[in-house]
Protein backbone atom coordinates (compact mmCIF):
# COMPACT_ATOMS: atom_id res chain seq x y z
CA MET A 1 0.00 0.00 0.00
CA ASN A 2 1.26 3.48 -0.86
CA ASP A 3 0.12 7.00 -0.05
CA ASN A 4 -1.84 7.32 -3.29
CA ASP A 5 -4.05 4.38 -2.33
CA ILE A 6 -5.70 6.58 0.34
CA CYS A 7 -7.59 9.84 0.06
CA LEU A 8 -9.11 12.05 2.75
CA ILE A 9 -12.61 13.51 2.38
CA SER A 10 -14.35 16.06 4.56
CA SER A 11 -17.59 18.03 4.44
CA VAL A 12 -16.71 21.54 5.61
CA ASN A 13 -19.08 24.27 6.80
CA ASN A 14 -16.81 26.10 9.26
CA ASP A 15 -13.41 27.14 7.93
CA ASP A 16 -12.08 28.25 11.32
CA ILE A 17 -12.70 24.82 12.82
CA PHE A 18 -11.42 23.05 9.70
CA LYS A 19 -8.18 25.08 9.59
CA SER A 20 -7.59 24.53 13.31
CA CYS A 21 -8.13 20.77 13.19
CA LEU A 22 -8.19 18.57 10.10
CA ALA A 23 -6.20 20.96 7.90
CA ARG A 24 -3.44 21.09 10.58
CA SER A 25 -2.91 17.33 10.48
CA PRO A 26 0.76 16.78 9.57
CA ASP A 27 0.01 14.29 6.79
CA VAL A 28 -2.36 16.83 5.22
CA VAL A 29 0.09 19.71 5.61
CA SER A 30 2.88 17.68 4.01
CA GLY A 31 0.68 16.71 1.07
CA ARG A 32 1.06 13.00 1.66
CA LEU A 33 -2.66 12.63 2.40
CA LYS A 34 -4.65 14.23 -0.40
CA LEU A 35 -7.75 16.06 0.80
CA THR A 36 -11.06 16.56 -1.02
CA ILE A 37 -13.34 19.18 0.53
CA ILE A 38 -17.10 19.25 -0.03
CA ARG A 39 -19.17 22.33 0.77
CA ASN A 40 -22.83 23.36 0.74
CA SER A 41 -24.24 19.90 1.35
CA VAL A 42 -27.84 19.09 2.20
CA SER A 43 -26.87 15.82 3.91
CA MET A 44 -23.73 13.86 4.66
CA SER A 45 -24.78 11.16 2.20
CA GLU A 46 -24.98 13.77 -0.55
CA ALA A 47 -21.60 15.23 0.44
CA TYR A 48 -19.78 11.92 0.54
CA ASN A 49 -21.34 10.64 -2.69
CA ARG A 50 -20.13 13.81 -4.44
CA ALA A 51 -16.64 13.23 -3.04
CA LEU A 52 -16.63 9.58 -4.09
CA ASP A 53 -17.48 10.73 -7.63
CA GLN A 54 -14.42 12.97 -7.57
CA THR A 55 -11.92 10.39 -6.29
CA GLU A 56 -10.73 6.95 -7.31
CA ASN A 57 -8.40 5.92 -4.47
CA ARG A 58 -8.71 2.39 -3.12
CA TYR A 59 -9.46 3.63 0.41
CA ALA A 60 -11.46 6.72 1.33
CA VAL A 61 -10.98 8.24 4.78
CA LEU A 62 -14.11 10.23 5.63
CA ALA A 63 -13.41 12.61 8.51
CA HIS A 64 -15.20 15.41 10.33
CA GLN A 65 -13.72 18.89 10.02
CA ASP A 66 -13.06 18.94 13.78
CA VAL A 67 -10.87 15.82 13.73
CA TYR A 68 -7.08 16.07 14.01
CA LEU A 69 -4.89 13.27 12.67
CA PRO A 70 -1.72 13.10 14.81
CA GLN A 71 1.83 12.94 13.47
CA GLY A 72 2.40 9.53 11.87
CA TRP A 73 -1.30 8.75 11.48
CA LEU A 74 -1.13 7.90 7.76
CA ASP A 75 1.66 5.35 8.24
CA LEU A 76 -0.20 3.80 11.16
CA ALA A 77 -3.43 3.61 9.16
CA LYS A 78 -1.64 2.03 6.20
CA ALA A 79 -0.16 -0.64 8.47
CA LYS A 80 -3.50 -1.37 10.15
CA LEU A 81 -5.41 -1.53 6.87
CA THR A 82 -2.78 -3.74 5.22
CA ALA A 83 -3.00 -6.16 8.15
CA LEU A 84 -6.80 -6.14 7.94
CA ASP A 85 -6.64 -6.84 4.20
CA ARG A 86 -4.65 -9.96 4.98
CA SER A 87 -6.57 -11.22 8.01
CA HIS A 88 -10.11 -10.34 6.90
CA PRO A 89 -10.21 -9.72 3.14
CA ASP A 90 -13.98 -9.35 3.30
CA TRP A 91 -13.84 -6.08 5.25
CA MET A 92 -15.55 -2.98 3.84
CA VAL A 93 -15.48 -0.31 6.52
CA ALA A 94 -13.33 0.50 9.55
CA GLY A 95 -12.88 3.30 12.05
CA PRO A 96 -11.17 4.25 15.32
CA TYR A 97 -14.30 3.97 17.49
CA GLY A 98 -17.36 1.73 17.27
CA VAL A 99 -19.87 -0.43 19.07
CA GLN A 100 -19.97 -4.22 19.23
CA ALA A 101 -23.14 -6.29 18.81
CA ASP A 102 -23.52 -6.61 22.59
CA GLY A 103 -23.42 -2.83 23.02
CA ARG A 104 -19.85 -2.56 24.30
CA HIS A 105 -17.84 0.36 22.92
CA VAL A 106 -14.36 -0.25 21.52
CA GLY A 107 -11.74 2.11 20.15
CA ARG A 108 -9.31 4.86 21.07
CA VAL A 109 -10.17 8.53 20.53
CA TRP A 110 -9.57 11.67 22.58
CA ASP A 111 -12.89 13.50 22.88
CA VAL A 112 -12.38 17.18 23.71
CA GLY A 113 -16.04 17.74 24.61
CA LEU A 114 -15.80 15.08 27.30
CA ASP A 115 -12.18 15.99 28.12
CA ARG A 116 -11.02 12.40 28.17
CA GLU A 117 -9.93 9.48 26.07
CA LEU A 118 -12.66 7.11 24.97
CA GLY A 119 -11.49 3.53 24.88
CA ALA A 120 -7.94 2.45 25.59
CA ALA A 121 -4.70 1.49 23.93
CA GLY A 122 -3.85 -2.04 22.93
CA PHE A 123 -7.17 -3.39 21.69
CA PRO A 124 -7.10 -5.87 18.77
CA PRO A 125 -9.07 -5.34 15.54
CA THR A 126 -12.66 -5.80 16.69
CA PRO A 127 -15.80 -6.50 14.63
CA ILE A 128 -18.51 -3.91 15.21
CA VAL A 129 -22.11 -3.18 14.18
CA SER A 130 -21.89 0.62 14.14
CA LEU A 131 -19.18 3.28 13.98
CA ASP A 132 -18.88 6.80 15.29
CA GLU A 133 -19.00 9.07 12.26
CA LEU A 134 -16.01 11.18 13.34
CA LEU A 135 -13.83 9.07 11.02
CA LEU A 136 -14.72 6.22 8.66
CA VAL A 137 -12.49 4.29 6.28
CA LEU A 138 -14.30 2.89 3.25
CA ARG A 139 -12.65 0.14 1.21
CA ARG A 140 -13.69 0.85 -2.35
CA ASP A 141 -13.45 -2.52 -4.04
CA ASN A 142 -17.16 -2.36 -4.90
CA PRO A 143 -19.31 0.56 -6.12
CA PHE A 144 -20.79 1.58 -2.76
CA ARG A 145 -23.01 4.67 -2.52
CA PHE A 146 -24.29 6.33 0.63
CA ASP A 147 -28.06 6.21 0.90
CA PRO A 148 -29.31 9.49 -0.66
CA ASP A 149 -32.59 9.21 1.25
CA LEU A 150 -30.93 9.22 4.68
CA PRO A 151 -31.66 12.75 5.88
CA HIS A 152 -29.38 15.29 7.52
CA PHE A 153 -25.94 14.52 9.02
CA HIS A 154 -26.46 11.65 11.45
CA LEU A 155 -26.34 7.82 11.60
CA TYR A 156 -24.66 7.46 8.21
CA GLY A 157 -21.87 5.51 9.94
CA THR A 158 -24.38 3.04 11.31
CA ASP A 159 -26.07 2.89 7.91
CA LEU A 160 -22.73 2.21 6.22
CA VAL A 161 -21.84 -0.60 8.62
CA GLN A 162 -25.26 -2.22 8.33
CA SER A 163 -25.05 -2.01 4.54
CA ALA A 164 -21.72 -3.82 4.68
CA LEU A 165 -22.98 -6.55 7.01
CA CYS A 166 -26.10 -7.11 4.89
CA THR A 167 -23.93 -7.88 1.87
CA GLY A 168 -21.70 -10.34 3.70
CA ARG A 169 -18.88 -7.88 4.34
CA SER A 170 -17.36 -7.03 7.70
CA ALA A 171 -16.76 -3.84 9.69
CA TRP A 172 -14.01 -3.17 12.23
CA ALA A 173 -12.69 -0.89 14.93
CA LEU A 174 -8.93 -0.41 14.54
CA GLU A 175 -6.44 1.27 16.85
CA MET A 176 -5.54 4.39 14.87
CA PRO A 177 -6.25 7.14 17.44
CA VAL A 178 -7.29 10.68 16.56
CA VAL A 179 -8.34 13.81 18.41
CA HIS A 180 -12.01 14.74 18.07
CA ASN A 181 -12.14 18.45 18.91
CA SER A 182 -15.84 18.11 19.56
CA GLN A 183 -18.49 19.93 21.49
CA LEU A 184 -21.14 18.01 23.38
CA VAL A 185 -24.34 17.40 21.44
CA ALA A 186 -26.93 19.92 22.60
CA SER A 187 -30.03 18.15 21.27
CA LEU A 188 -31.19 14.96 19.58
CA SER A 189 -34.21 16.66 18.04
CA GLY A 190 -34.49 17.95 14.49
CA GLY A 191 -32.07 16.30 12.08
CA TYR A 192 -31.04 13.54 14.46
CA THR A 193 -34.63 12.44 15.03
CA LEU A 194 -35.32 12.45 11.29
CA ALA A 195 -32.29 10.26 10.63
CA TYR A 196 -33.17 8.00 13.57
CA ARG A 197 -36.70 7.40 12.33
CA TYR A 198 -35.43 6.70 8.84
CA ALA A 199 -32.93 4.16 10.19
CA CYS A 200 -35.71 2.48 12.20
CA ARG A 201 -37.75 2.00 9.04
CA LYS A 202 -34.87 0.95 6.82
CA TRP A 203 -33.30 -1.53 9.23
CA LYS A 204 -36.45 -2.78 10.99
CA GLN A 205 -35.47 -6.41 10.39
CA ARG A 206 -32.12 -5.86 12.13
CA LEU A 207 -33.20 -3.88 15.19
CA PRO A 208 -32.04 -3.17 17.81
CA ILE A 209 -28.78 -1.66 16.59
CA PRO A 210 -26.49 -0.19 19.28
CA THR A 211 -24.77 3.10 18.42
CA THR A 212 -22.44 5.48 20.23
CA VAL A 213 -25.34 7.84 21.02
CA VAL A 214 -28.57 5.88 21.53
CA PRO A 215 -29.61 2.40 20.28
CA VAL A 216 -31.82 2.32 17.21
CA THR A 217 -34.89 0.39 18.36
CA ARG A 218 -38.55 -0.16 17.59
CA ASN A 219 -39.32 1.17 21.05
CA PRO A 220 -39.16 5.01 21.08
CA ILE A 221 -38.33 5.16 24.79
CA PRO A 222 -34.49 5.06 24.48
CA LEU A 223 -34.51 8.10 22.18
CA LEU A 224 -37.05 9.92 24.34
CA PHE A 225 -34.98 9.24 27.46
CA ALA A 226 -31.81 10.45 25.73
CA LYS A 227 -33.57 13.66 24.75
CA TRP A 228 -34.77 14.12 28.32
CA ARG A 229 -31.23 13.76 29.68
CA LEU A 230 -30.09 16.56 27.36
CA ARG A 231 -33.00 18.85 28.14
CA ASN A 232 -30.93 21.36 30.15
CA ARG A 233 -27.74 21.22 28.12
CA PRO A 234 -26.79 24.66 26.70
CA GLU A 235 -26.34 25.32 23.02
CA ARG A 236 -22.92 24.63 21.54
CA ALA A 237 -20.40 27.43 21.93
CA GLY A 238 -19.70 27.57 18.20
CA LYS A 239 -15.94 27.65 18.76
CA LEU A 240 -13.26 25.11 19.61
CA LEU A 241 -12.75 24.16 23.23
CA ALA A 242 -9.05 23.30 22.94
CA ASP A 243 -6.00 23.33 20.68
CA ALA A 244 -5.93 20.08 18.72
CA VAL A 245 -2.14 19.76 18.64
CA ALA A 246 -1.82 20.37 22.37
CA ILE A 247 -4.47 17.71 23.02
CA ALA A 248 -2.70 15.20 20.75
CA ARG A 249 0.50 15.67 22.76
CA ARG A 250 -1.35 15.49 26.07
CA ALA A 251 -2.96 12.22 24.94
CA GLY A 252 0.39 10.76 23.88
CA TYR A 253 -0.68 10.48 20.25
CA GLU A 254 2.38 12.39 19.05
């Protein structure tokens, strides 16, 4: 595997956040990891499908604008993906943080909004049933398209993983840690609820599906309870809570 086998894709709607996080990633700055930016999207499916039309690399890394890839991340990712190619040649999607079928979370990511590392170092490649959308790696050995009917900007990682599993492919959490310079979700109403209801209809034969936020179930109570827990959370600040490079060093990622 060489550098040209991998491309980086991001949907950007805040240049200040993008320039302070993803664009500062050393592999992006050096030009080793080629970046395709998508703007003015109506949904993440629409954004990523446009980007896939513009790229032909064997692997597409789909990352949020507020993610920072630490020094050496590309070489680590190449090693992890090469090993996964050999051990599980049926794999289609991977990421640094996901949820197993029994609901247990697995991965290694520093979450700035929570001010702590999620997961832990040293975990083996682990099969999962959903992935956090902060970063996804799509293996493009078949003509996959994101579902254009999935609304807004949520649950497309779960949709991608379920699409892979339904076609006999596999999905994995791999130890390739990143910094997610996130802010805590203020609400699960609006776009999240629309995407959640769509996922319930689309994957009704496979429910329940655990996710990093709230399980997708026939029963509406888990979503209602999650909304209730967030009822007093203030709106997002609209600006970064920390310096991504400083956090990467604090976490021991570089």
